[in-house]
Protein backbone atom coordinates (compact mmCIF):
# COMPACT_ATOMS: atom_id res chain seq x y z
CA MET A 1 26.20 46.26 15.55
CA GLU A 2 24.11 45.72 18.64
CA ILE A 3 21.34 44.52 16.33
CA MET A 4 23.37 42.16 14.78
CA LYS A 5 24.62 40.68 18.14
CA ARG A 6 20.85 40.21 19.30
CA ILE A 7 19.92 38.52 16.00
CA PHE A 8 22.94 35.91 16.42
CA ILE A 9 21.96 35.56 20.14
CA LEU A 10 18.32 34.98 19.00
CA LEU A 11 19.33 32.46 16.26
CA GLY A 12 21.87 30.66 18.48
CA SER A 13 19.59 30.15 21.37
CA LEU A 14 16.64 28.67 19.52
CA ASP A 15 14.73 25.97 21.10
CA ARG A 16 16.07 22.49 20.10
CA ARG A 17 12.65 21.57 19.08
CA ILE A 18 12.46 24.40 16.43
CA ILE A 19 15.93 23.31 15.07
CA PHE A 20 14.85 19.78 14.84
CA LEU A 21 11.76 20.96 12.94
CA ILE A 22 13.71 23.22 10.60
CA VAL A 23 15.99 20.39 9.91
CA GLY A 24 13.11 17.93 9.32
CA LEU A 25 11.46 20.40 6.86
CA SER A 26 14.84 20.51 4.98
CA VAL A 27 14.82 16.92 4.44
CA LEU A 28 11.11 16.38 3.71
CA ILE A 29 10.40 19.22 1.34
CA PRO A 30 12.98 18.21 -1.31
CA LEU A 31 11.68 14.71 -1.05
CA LEU A 32 7.92 15.39 -1.23
CA LYS A 33 8.24 18.40 -3.73
CA PRO A 34 11.40 17.74 -5.54
CA GLU A 35 10.44 20.55 -8.23
CA TRP A 36 10.57 23.19 -5.44
CA VAL A 37 14.23 22.55 -5.01
CA ASN A 38 16.31 22.13 -8.03
CA LEU A 39 20.13 22.03 -7.15
CA PRO A 40 22.58 22.08 -9.93
CA ILE A 41 24.32 18.66 -10.36
CA ARG A 42 27.49 18.42 -12.22
CA PRO A 43 28.42 14.85 -13.44
CA ARG A 44 31.86 13.59 -12.71
CA PRO A 45 33.99 12.02 -15.50
CA GLU A 46 33.27 8.42 -14.23
CA SER A 47 29.46 8.86 -14.41
CA GLN A 48 29.80 10.66 -17.69
CA ILE A 49 31.81 7.60 -19.14
CA VAL A 50 28.95 5.32 -17.97
CA PHE A 51 26.47 7.51 -19.77
CA ASN A 52 28.66 7.85 -22.95
CA GLU A 53 29.21 4.16 -23.06
CA ILE A 54 25.50 3.29 -23.08
CA ASN A 55 24.81 5.99 -25.42
CA LYS A 56 26.95 4.29 -28.09
CA LEU A 57 24.62 1.39 -28.17
CA ASN A 58 22.28 1.16 -31.08
CA GLU A 59 18.50 0.37 -31.36
CA GLY A 60 18.01 -3.53 -31.00
CA ASP A 61 21.49 -4.04 -29.16
CA LYS A 62 21.32 -6.47 -26.05
CA ILE A 63 22.29 -5.55 -22.64
CA LEU A 64 22.66 -7.79 -19.76
CA LEU A 65 21.75 -5.90 -16.48
CA SER A 66 22.61 -7.68 -13.32
CA PHE A 67 21.09 -6.90 -10.02
CA GLU A 68 23.27 -7.59 -7.05
CA TYR A 69 21.72 -5.57 -4.25
CA GLY A 70 19.01 -5.68 -1.69
CA PRO A 71 16.83 -3.71 0.53
CA SER A 72 19.67 -2.34 2.70
CA THR A 73 21.39 -0.77 -0.31
CA LYS A 74 18.34 0.08 -2.28
CA PRO A 75 18.58 3.79 -1.60
CA GLU A 76 21.93 4.13 -3.34
CA ILE A 77 21.52 1.65 -6.20
CA HIS A 78 17.88 1.50 -6.94
CA PRO A 79 17.63 4.93 -8.43
CA MET A 80 20.56 3.93 -10.78
CA SER A 81 18.66 0.88 -12.08
CA ILE A 82 15.59 2.99 -12.75
CA ALA A 83 17.74 5.69 -14.69
CA ILE A 84 19.47 3.12 -16.66
CA LEU A 85 16.15 1.34 -17.52
CA LYS A 86 14.68 4.68 -18.80
CA HIS A 87 17.84 5.36 -20.90
CA LEU A 88 17.88 1.96 -22.43
CA PHE A 89 14.09 1.59 -23.09
CA ALA A 90 14.26 5.18 -24.65
CA LYS A 91 16.89 3.90 -27.06
CA ASN A 92 14.88 0.77 -27.80
CA ILE A 93 17.58 -1.69 -26.44
CA GLN A 94 16.74 -5.10 -25.34
CA VAL A 95 17.29 -5.60 -21.63
CA TYR A 96 17.88 -9.08 -20.16
CA GLY A 97 17.67 -8.97 -16.41
CA PHE A 98 19.92 -11.48 -14.26
CA ALA A 99 20.24 -11.53 -10.36
CA LEU A 100 23.28 -12.81 -8.40
CA TRP A 101 21.64 -12.07 -5.09
CA PRO A 102 18.24 -13.51 -3.97
CA ASP A 103 17.00 -10.02 -3.17
CA GLY A 104 17.80 -9.06 -6.78
CA ASN A 105 14.55 -10.80 -7.91
CA PHE A 106 12.62 -8.39 -5.95
CA MET A 107 14.49 -5.29 -7.10
CA SER A 108 14.54 -6.19 -10.66
CA THR A 109 10.77 -6.89 -10.58
CA GLU A 110 10.05 -3.66 -9.21
CA ALA A 111 12.38 -1.71 -11.42
CA PHE A 112 10.94 -3.33 -14.71
CA SER A 113 7.38 -2.90 -13.48
CA GLU A 114 8.06 0.85 -12.83
CA VAL A 115 9.66 1.88 -15.95
CA SER A 116 8.26 -0.68 -18.71
CA HIS A 117 4.91 0.64 -18.46
CA ASP A 118 5.80 4.24 -19.01
CA TYR A 119 7.76 3.44 -22.28
CA GLY A 120 5.09 0.81 -23.55
CA LYS A 121 7.75 -2.09 -23.44
CA LYS A 122 6.47 -5.82 -23.54
CA TYR A 123 7.78 -8.60 -21.68
CA GLY A 124 9.61 -11.20 -23.80
CA ILE A 125 9.95 -8.89 -26.70
CA ASP A 126 11.72 -5.83 -25.19
CA TYR A 127 12.89 -7.20 -21.90
CA VAL A 128 13.14 -10.34 -20.05
CA ASN A 129 13.86 -11.07 -16.25
CA LEU A 130 15.54 -14.59 -15.66
CA GLY A 131 16.04 -13.99 -12.00
CA TYR A 132 18.32 -15.42 -9.43
CA LYS A 133 20.54 -18.78 -9.57
CA PRO A 134 22.52 -19.79 -6.53
CA GLY A 135 26.35 -20.17 -7.21
CA ALA A 136 27.92 -16.66 -7.05
CA GLU A 137 30.79 -16.79 -9.55
CA ALA A 138 29.57 -20.16 -10.98
CA VAL A 139 26.59 -18.50 -12.27
CA VAL A 140 28.75 -15.85 -13.85
CA LYS A 141 30.83 -18.64 -15.37
CA GLY A 142 27.71 -20.46 -16.61
CA ILE A 143 26.35 -17.38 -18.21
CA ALA A 144 29.61 -16.93 -19.94
CA ALA A 145 29.54 -20.41 -21.24
CA ASP A 146 25.89 -21.54 -21.74
CA ILE A 147 22.88 -19.59 -20.57
CA HIS A 148 20.39 -22.32 -21.71
CA ALA A 149 22.18 -24.97 -19.65
CA LEU A 150 21.87 -22.71 -16.39
CA TYR A 151 18.41 -21.14 -17.05
CA THR A 152 15.59 -23.54 -18.22
CA VAL A 153 12.75 -20.97 -17.09
CA ASP A 154 12.42 -17.31 -16.65
CA LEU A 155 11.60 -15.65 -13.08
CA LYS A 156 7.76 -16.10 -14.17
CA GLY A 157 8.25 -19.85 -14.92
CA THR A 158 8.21 -19.42 -18.49
CA PRO A 159 10.50 -21.95 -20.42
CA ILE A 160 13.07 -19.60 -22.03
CA ASN A 161 12.81 -21.36 -25.08
CA ASP A 162 9.44 -19.96 -25.55
CA ILE A 163 10.73 -16.53 -25.06
CA PRO A 164 11.29 -14.62 -28.33
CA MET A 165 14.21 -12.76 -27.02
CA MET A 166 16.08 -15.88 -26.00
CA LYS A 167 16.21 -17.62 -29.36
CA ASP A 168 19.43 -16.01 -30.42
CA VAL A 169 20.99 -15.67 -27.08
CA VAL A 170 23.46 -18.50 -26.21
CA ASN A 171 26.09 -16.92 -23.88
CA VAL A 172 27.60 -13.60 -22.81
CA GLU A 173 29.11 -13.07 -26.17
CA ASN A 174 25.69 -12.45 -27.57
CA PHE A 175 25.29 -9.31 -25.46
CA ASP A 176 26.70 -5.98 -26.76
CA PHE A 177 27.09 -4.54 -23.03
CA VAL A 178 26.89 -5.78 -19.51
CA PHE A 179 25.98 -3.55 -16.55
CA SER A 180 26.48 -4.58 -12.97
CA LEU A 181 24.20 -3.00 -10.18
CA SER A 182 26.57 -4.07 -7.27
CA ALA A 183 26.45 -3.87 -3.58
CA GLY A 184 29.20 -6.52 -2.91
CA TYR A 185 29.93 -10.14 -3.60
CA PRO A 186 29.13 -11.68 -5.99
CA GLY A 187 29.13 -8.56 -8.29
CA SER A 188 31.26 -6.41 -10.55
CA THR A 189 34.49 -8.03 -9.78
CA GLU A 190 33.15 -11.37 -10.53
CA TRP A 191 31.84 -10.30 -14.02
CA VAL A 192 35.33 -8.60 -14.74
CA GLN A 193 37.26 -12.00 -13.76
CA TYR A 194 34.99 -14.72 -15.08
CA ALA A 195 32.81 -13.15 -18.09
CA CYS A 196 33.56 -9.62 -19.56
CA ASP A 197 37.30 -9.82 -19.40
CA PRO A 198 37.75 -13.28 -20.94
CA LYS A 199 35.13 -12.68 -23.58
CA ASN A 200 36.03 -9.07 -24.26
CA ILE A 201 32.52 -7.67 -23.48
CA PRO A 202 32.23 -4.04 -22.37
CA LEU A 203 31.17 -3.58 -18.69
CA SER A 204 30.25 -0.91 -16.61
CA THR A 205 28.89 -0.70 -12.87
CA GLY A 206 27.12 1.11 -10.33
CA VAL A 207 27.95 0.46 -6.74
CA THR A 208 27.50 1.65 -3.29
CA SER A 209 29.83 4.61 -2.03
CA ILE A 210 31.72 2.19 0.35
CA GLN A 211 32.65 -0.22 -2.70
CA VAL A 212 34.17 2.35 -4.89
CA THR A 213 37.63 2.18 -3.85
CA ASP A 214 37.56 -1.47 -4.46
CA ILE A 215 36.31 -1.12 -7.98
CA LEU A 216 38.27 1.75 -9.01
CA PRO A 217 41.46 -0.13 -10.10
CA TYR A 218 39.42 -2.00 -12.51
CA VAL A 219 37.92 1.28 -13.90
CA GLU A 220 41.46 2.82 -14.13
CA ASN A 221 42.67 -0.20 -16.10
CA GLY A 222 40.02 0.15 -18.29
CA GLN A 223 38.38 -3.27 -17.60
CA ILE A 224 35.33 -1.45 -16.34
CA ARG A 225 34.06 1.52 -18.15
CA GLY A 226 33.20 4.34 -15.78
CA ILE A 227 31.56 3.81 -12.41
CA LEU A 228 28.37 5.43 -10.74
CA ALA A 229 29.48 5.77 -7.23
CA GLY A 230 26.74 5.82 -4.64
CA MET A 231 23.86 8.15 -4.40
CA PRO A 232 25.98 10.99 -5.92
CA GLY A 233 26.58 8.82 -8.88
CA ALA A 234 22.90 7.90 -9.28
CA ALA A 235 21.94 11.70 -9.13
CA GLU A 236 24.40 12.59 -11.79
CA TYR A 237 23.32 9.71 -14.09
CA GLU A 238 19.65 10.85 -13.48
CA SER A 239 20.56 14.35 -14.62
CA LEU A 240 22.20 13.16 -17.69
CA VAL A 241 19.33 10.86 -18.77
CA GLU A 242 16.64 13.51 -17.78
CA ALA A 243 18.54 15.76 -20.25
CA GLU A 244 18.69 13.26 -23.01
CA LEU A 245 15.02 12.51 -22.70
CA ARG A 246 13.95 16.07 -22.84
CA GLU A 247 16.09 16.36 -26.06
CA MET A 248 14.24 13.20 -27.52
CA GLU A 249 10.80 15.10 -26.35
CA LEU A 250 9.82 12.37 -23.94
CA SER A 251 8.19 12.74 -20.75
CA VAL A 252 10.64 13.22 -17.68
CA LYS A 253 10.02 12.17 -14.27
CA PRO A 254 12.31 13.67 -11.63
CA GLY A 255 14.65 10.93 -10.20
CA LYS A 256 14.66 9.98 -6.46
CA ALA A 257 18.34 10.35 -6.25
CA SER A 258 18.40 13.89 -7.10
CA SER A 259 15.89 14.70 -4.50
CA MET A 260 17.57 12.63 -1.90
CA MET A 261 20.89 14.57 -2.71
CA ALA A 262 19.17 17.84 -2.39
CA ALA A 263 17.53 16.77 1.02
CA GLN A 264 21.10 15.77 2.10
CA SER A 265 22.70 18.81 0.96
CA ILE A 266 20.13 21.32 2.42
CA ALA A 267 20.12 19.51 5.78
CA HIS A 268 23.83 19.45 6.10
CA VAL A 269 23.78 23.15 5.24
CA MET A 270 21.27 24.06 7.84
CA ILE A 271 23.39 21.84 10.72
CA VAL A 272 26.38 23.68 9.94
CA LEU A 273 24.77 27.08 9.99
CA PHE A 274 23.18 26.35 13.55
CA ILE A 275 26.53 25.08 14.68
CA ILE A 276 28.13 28.45 13.32
CA PHE A 277 25.18 30.42 15.03
CA GLY A 278 25.46 28.56 18.31
CA ASN A 279 29.28 29.15 18.57
CA ILE A 280 28.81 32.90 17.75
CA THR A 281 26.10 33.16 20.45
CA TYR A 282 28.64 31.57 22.90
CA TYR A 283 31.25 33.90 22.10
CA ILE A 284 29.11 37.00 22.32
CA THR A 285 27.35 35.93 25.61
CA ARG A 286 30.73 34.97 27.03
CA LYS A 287 32.30 38.22 26.24
CA ASN A 288 29.20 40.09 27.69
CA LYS A 289 29.51 38.25 30.85
CA GLY A 290 33.24 39.21 31.02
CA GLU A 291 32.32 42.91 30.53
CA ASP A 292 29.62 42.72 33.43
CA LYS A 293 32.34 41.38 35.60
CA ILE A 294 34.54 44.17 35.18
């Protein structure tokens, strides 16, 4: 018993610099060496629905992928975009990139360049990036009505009439699915109201954690099919996609959201442990002081 007390006193009275170092390592190791820390991830029903809906798409189907986030929300949503593109490209689905936010141009360009090379996809044949247009919901209405009236060139400045993928695409009704990567306005709500609901096009979304409560009513009504909720949702989707890619015998690179969730979880555990050790140490030392006074 005395040995246990000494151990708790030692742990609870560690120098704060050592505690900072341990917590720092608990964050850095999962990020730098994700293969060393493989925490189990259980997908929630909402994430599983998203995966199942995209898995229903067939080779050659068309999906509209809308980028509505920027650098401030990149840690939560960008891993979703990478995982979704891996899933779509592995199934040979044609991807049409749009952006309702100016920063969406940078996010989409980065995501496409990161994933397309690994899957041997060619621009204009397998994917296209039309980029950002100002106007918020007016842009969504324009895509729902006539894309060629709204977009004359793609993000690279190529006339869309010269892009093979755009020849048979007139409006949102020519897409088999719409996916919104949304961090706010304009975003998922506008796709529901002005395009997907009126035209009866299936829609799913990935959002920041703070947005989930605003979007859930649409999910519960069936207007949005599933939802990826923040970084946990991204990690769950990554795990589902990675399992699918292994079954297809394709190369699998660990997703960033999974390693970030591992870092977050381990850091939280370490902080809680040190709080417990500190409180036990305080209790033991206070009791010892009381006995010494007696």
